[in-house]
Amino acid sequence: MVQAFCVKDKKKVEIKDPQQVKLKNGRPAVKGTCPICGTTVYKIGKM
């Protein structure tokens, strides 16, 4: 599983429903939701 930092919870969490996305500047990232609070979290970089 992919982990990302949740700003609201202030800790690393496992990304729920991860999706491969491309940011505006062309960099790859993984987008998903935090399983604790439901906030959108990103992990920048190829996974």
PDB file of N, CA and C in Angstrom:
ATOM      1  N   MET A   1       0.839  -1.190   0.000  1.00  0.00           N
ATOM      2  CA  MET A   1       0.000   0.000   0.000  1.00  0.00           C
ATOM      3  C   MET A   1       0.884   1.254   0.000  1.00  0.00           C
ATOM      4  N   VAL A   2       0.303   2.330  -0.472  1.00  0.00           N
ATOM      5  CA  VAL A   2       1.004   3.601  -0.568  1.00  0.00           C
ATOM      6  C   VAL A   2       0.653   4.456   0.649  1.00  0.00           C
ATOM      7  N   GLN A   3       1.672   5.082   1.227  1.00  0.00           N
ATOM      8  CA  GLN A   3       1.446   5.960   2.369  1.00  0.00           C
ATOM      9  C   GLN A   3       1.642   7.411   1.962  1.00  0.00           C
ATOM     10  N   ALA A   4       0.858   8.293   2.592  1.00  0.00           N
ATOM     11  CA  ALA A   4       0.990   9.736   2.371  1.00  0.00           C
ATOM     12  C   ALA A   4       0.793  10.441   3.700  1.00  0.00           C
ATOM     13  N   PHE A   5       1.228  11.698   3.769  1.00  0.00           N
ATOM     14  CA  PHE A   5       1.109  12.464   5.005  1.00  0.00           C
ATOM     15  C   PHE A   5      -0.224  13.204   5.013  1.00  0.00           C
ATOM     16  N   CYS A   6      -1.020  12.998   6.061  1.00  0.00           N
ATOM     17  CA  CYS A   6      -2.295  13.697   6.228  1.00  0.00           C
ATOM     18  C   CYS A   6      -2.039  14.952   7.054  1.00  0.00           C
ATOM     19  N   VAL A   7      -2.385  16.105   6.501  1.00  0.00           N
ATOM     20  CA  VAL A   7      -2.127  17.373   7.169  1.00  0.00           C
ATOM     21  C   VAL A   7      -3.038  17.547   8.382  1.00  0.00           C
ATOM     22  N   LYS A   8      -4.281  17.096   8.292  1.00  0.00           N
ATOM     23  CA  LYS A   8      -5.207  17.239   9.424  1.00  0.00           C
ATOM     24  C   LYS A   8      -4.811  16.347  10.601  1.00  0.00           C
ATOM     25  N   ASP A   9      -4.441  15.100  10.301  1.00  0.00           N
ATOM     26  CA  ASP A   9      -4.091  14.148  11.364  1.00  0.00           C
ATOM     27  C   ASP A   9      -2.631  14.259  11.797  1.00  0.00           C
ATOM     28  N   LYS A  10      -1.814  14.944  10.993  1.00  0.00           N
ATOM     29  CA  LYS A  10      -0.382  15.144  11.267  1.00  0.00           C
ATOM     30  C   LYS A  10       0.387  13.834  11.430  1.00  0.00           C
ATOM     31  N   LYS A  11       0.080  12.860  10.542  1.00  0.00           N
ATOM     32  CA  LYS A  11       0.814  11.602  10.536  1.00  0.00           C
ATOM     33  C   LYS A  11       0.669  10.923   9.179  1.00  0.00           C
ATOM     34  N   LYS A  12       1.525   9.920   8.941  1.00  0.00           N
ATOM     35  CA  LYS A  12       1.446   9.148   7.710  1.00  0.00           C
ATOM     36  C   LYS A  12       0.296   8.152   7.812  1.00  0.00           C
ATOM     37  N   VAL A  13      -0.459   8.028   6.721  1.00  0.00           N
ATOM     38  CA  VAL A  13      -1.587   7.111   6.667  1.00  0.00           C
ATOM     39  C   VAL A  13      -1.541   6.331   5.354  1.00  0.00           C
ATOM     40  N   GLU A  14      -2.172   5.185   5.327  1.00  0.00           N
ATOM     41  CA  GLU A  14      -2.327   4.413   4.097  1.00  0.00           C
ATOM     42  C   GLU A  14      -3.378   5.103   3.233  1.00  0.00           C
ATOM     43  N   ILE A  15      -3.098   5.279   1.947  1.00  0.00           N
ATOM     44  CA  ILE A  15      -4.039   5.950   1.053  1.00  0.00           C
ATOM     45  C   ILE A  15      -5.196   5.007   0.731  1.00  0.00           C
ATOM     46  N   LYS A  16      -6.414   5.509   0.926  1.00  0.00           N
ATOM     47  CA  LYS A  16      -7.621   4.743   0.606  1.00  0.00           C
ATOM     48  C   LYS A  16      -8.038   5.110  -0.818  1.00  0.00           C
ATOM     49  N   ASP A  17      -8.353   4.125  -1.649  1.00  0.00           N
ATOM     50  CA  ASP A  17      -8.731   4.310  -3.055  1.00  0.00           C
ATOM     51  C   ASP A  17      -7.670   5.084  -3.846  1.00  0.00           C
ATOM     52  N   PRO A  18      -6.413   4.591  -3.920  1.00  0.00           N
ATOM     53  CA  PRO A  18      -5.362   5.324  -4.638  1.00  0.00           C
ATOM     54  C   PRO A  18      -5.601   5.348  -6.148  1.00  0.00           C
ATOM     55  N   GLN A  19      -5.278   6.480  -6.765  1.00  0.00           N
ATOM     56  CA  GLN A  19      -5.406   6.658  -8.209  1.00  0.00           C
ATOM     57  C   GLN A  19      -4.149   7.336  -8.732  1.00  0.00           C
ATOM     58  N   GLN A  20      -3.637   6.859  -9.864  1.00  0.00           N
ATOM     59  CA  GLN A  20      -2.489   7.498 -10.508  1.00  0.00           C
ATOM     60  C   GLN A  20      -2.989   8.758 -11.209  1.00  0.00           C
ATOM     61  N   VAL A  21      -2.372   9.907 -10.939  1.00  0.00           N
ATOM     62  CA  VAL A  21      -2.738  11.170 -11.582  1.00  0.00           C
ATOM     63  C   VAL A  21      -1.468  11.870 -12.037  1.00  0.00           C
ATOM     64  N   LYS A  22      -1.647  12.882 -12.888  1.00  0.00           N
ATOM     65  CA  LYS A  22      -0.535  13.707 -13.339  1.00  0.00           C
ATOM     66  C   LYS A  22      -0.838  15.137 -12.919  1.00  0.00           C
ATOM     67  N   LEU A  23       0.114  15.781 -12.241  1.00  0.00           N
ATOM     68  CA  LEU A  23      -0.063  17.151 -11.789  1.00  0.00           C
ATOM     69  C   LEU A  23       0.070  18.128 -12.950  1.00  0.00           C
ATOM     70  N   LYS A  24      -0.279  19.390 -12.721  1.00  0.00           N
ATOM     71  CA  LYS A  24      -0.225  20.409 -13.776  1.00  0.00           C
ATOM     72  C   LYS A  24       1.151  20.543 -14.402  1.00  0.00           C
ATOM     73  N   ASN A  25       2.192  20.375 -13.580  1.00  0.00           N
ATOM     74  CA  ASN A  25       3.552  20.516 -14.097  1.00  0.00           C
ATOM     75  C   ASN A  25       4.074  19.231 -14.739  1.00  0.00           C
ATOM     76  N   GLY A  26       3.236  18.193 -14.840  1.00  0.00           N
ATOM     77  CA  GLY A  26       3.614  16.966 -15.520  1.00  0.00           C
ATOM     78  C   GLY A  26       4.170  15.873 -14.625  1.00  0.00           C
ATOM     79  N   ARG A  27       4.349  16.156 -13.337  1.00  0.00           N
ATOM     80  CA  ARG A  27       4.905  15.146 -12.431  1.00  0.00           C
ATOM     81  C   ARG A  27       3.836  14.109 -12.074  1.00  0.00           C
ATOM     82  N   PRO A  28       4.220  12.839 -11.982  1.00  0.00           N
ATOM     83  CA  PRO A  28       3.261  11.807 -11.577  1.00  0.00           C
ATOM     84  C   PRO A  28       3.004  11.867 -10.073  1.00  0.00           C
ATOM     85  N   ALA A  29       1.798  11.459  -9.671  1.00  0.00           N
ATOM     86  CA  ALA A  29       1.441  11.445  -8.252  1.00  0.00           C
ATOM     87  C   ALA A  29       0.356  10.404  -8.026  1.00  0.00           C
ATOM     88  N   VAL A  30       0.143  10.074  -6.754  1.00  0.00           N
ATOM     89  CA  VAL A  30      -0.944   9.184  -6.358  1.00  0.00           C
ATOM     90  C   VAL A  30      -1.888   9.992  -5.489  1.00  0.00           C
ATOM     91  N   LYS A  31      -3.170   9.974  -5.852  1.00  0.00           N
ATOM     92  CA  LYS A  31      -4.185  10.740  -5.135  1.00  0.00           C
ATOM     93  C   LYS A  31      -5.155   9.768  -4.495  1.00  0.00           C
ATOM     94  N   GLY A  32      -5.582  10.094  -3.282  1.00  0.00           N
ATOM     95  CA  GLY A  32      -6.548   9.252  -2.589  1.00  0.00           C
ATOM     96  C   GLY A  32      -7.132   9.992  -1.405  1.00  0.00           C
ATOM     97  N   THR A  33      -7.764   9.242  -0.504  1.00  0.00           N
ATOM     98  CA  THR A  33      -8.361   9.855   0.674  1.00  0.00           C
ATOM     99  C   THR A  33      -7.760   9.259   1.934  1.00  0.00           C
ATOM    100  N   CYS A  34      -7.798  10.043   2.997  1.00  0.00           N
ATOM    101  CA  CYS A  34      -7.335   9.584   4.299  1.00  0.00           C
ATOM    102  C   CYS A  34      -8.427   8.709   4.910  1.00  0.00           C
ATOM    103  N   PRO A  35      -8.095   7.507   5.389  1.00  0.00           N
ATOM    104  CA  PRO A  35      -9.118   6.630   5.963  1.00  0.00           C
ATOM    105  C   PRO A  35      -9.655   7.123   7.305  1.00  0.00           C
ATOM    106  N   ILE A  36      -8.939   8.030   7.970  1.00  0.00           N
ATOM    107  CA  ILE A  36      -9.362   8.512   9.282  1.00  0.00           C
ATOM    108  C   ILE A  36     -10.332   9.683   9.166  1.00  0.00           C
ATOM    109  N   CYS A  37      -9.924  10.730   8.407  1.00  0.00           N
ATOM    110  CA  CYS A  37     -10.733  11.950   8.362  1.00  0.00           C
ATOM    111  C   CYS A  37     -11.399  12.208   7.012  1.00  0.00           C
ATOM    112  N   GLY A  38     -10.998  11.496   5.957  1.00  0.00           N
ATOM    113  CA  GLY A  38     -11.623  11.668   4.647  1.00  0.00           C
ATOM    114  C   GLY A  38     -11.033  12.779   3.798  1.00  0.00           C
ATOM    115  N   THR A  39      -9.959  13.410   4.245  1.00  0.00           N
ATOM    116  CA  THR A  39      -9.296  14.466   3.495  1.00  0.00           C
ATOM    117  C   THR A  39      -8.556  13.889   2.303  1.00  0.00           C
ATOM    118  N   THR A  40      -8.472  14.635   1.214  1.00  0.00           N
ATOM    119  CA  THR A  40      -7.708  14.221   0.048  1.00  0.00           C
ATOM    120  C   THR A  40      -6.217  14.332   0.365  1.00  0.00           C
ATOM    121  N   VAL A  41      -5.476  13.260   0.057  1.00  0.00           N
ATOM    122  CA  VAL A  41      -4.026  13.235   0.291  1.00  0.00           C
ATOM    123  C   VAL A  41      -3.328  12.885  -1.016  1.00  0.00           C
ATOM    124  N   TYR A  42      -2.099  13.397  -1.177  1.00  0.00           N
ATOM    125  CA  TYR A  42      -1.290  13.153  -2.362  1.00  0.00           C
ATOM    126  C   TYR A  42       0.059  12.596  -1.965  1.00  0.00           C
ATOM    127  N   LYS A  43       0.596  11.730  -2.811  1.00  0.00           N
ATOM    128  CA  LYS A  43       1.967  11.265  -2.704  1.00  0.00           C
ATOM    129  C   LYS A  43       2.606  11.560  -4.050  1.00  0.00           C
ATOM    130  N   ILE A  44       3.507  12.536  -4.066  1.00  0.00           N
ATOM    131  CA  ILE A  44       4.130  12.953  -5.320  1.00  0.00           C
ATOM    132  C   ILE A  44       5.275  12.007  -5.650  1.00  0.00           C
ATOM    133  N   GLY A  45       5.348  11.593  -6.896  1.00  0.00           N
ATOM    134  CA  GLY A  45       6.384  10.690  -7.360  1.00  0.00           C
ATOM    135  C   GLY A  45       5.768   9.429  -7.925  1.00  0.00           C
ATOM    136  N   LYS A  46       6.517   8.752  -8.761  1.00  0.00           N
ATOM    137  CA  LYS A  46       6.034   7.534  -9.394  1.00  0.00           C
ATOM    138  C   LYS A  46       5.980   6.389  -8.406  1.00  0.00           C
ATOM    139  N   MET A  47       4.908   5.660  -8.383  1.00  0.00           N
ATOM    140  CA  MET A  47       4.732   4.527  -7.462  1.00  0.00           C
ATOM    141  C   MET A  47       4.616   3.245  -8.228  1.00  0.00           C
TER     142      MET A  47
END
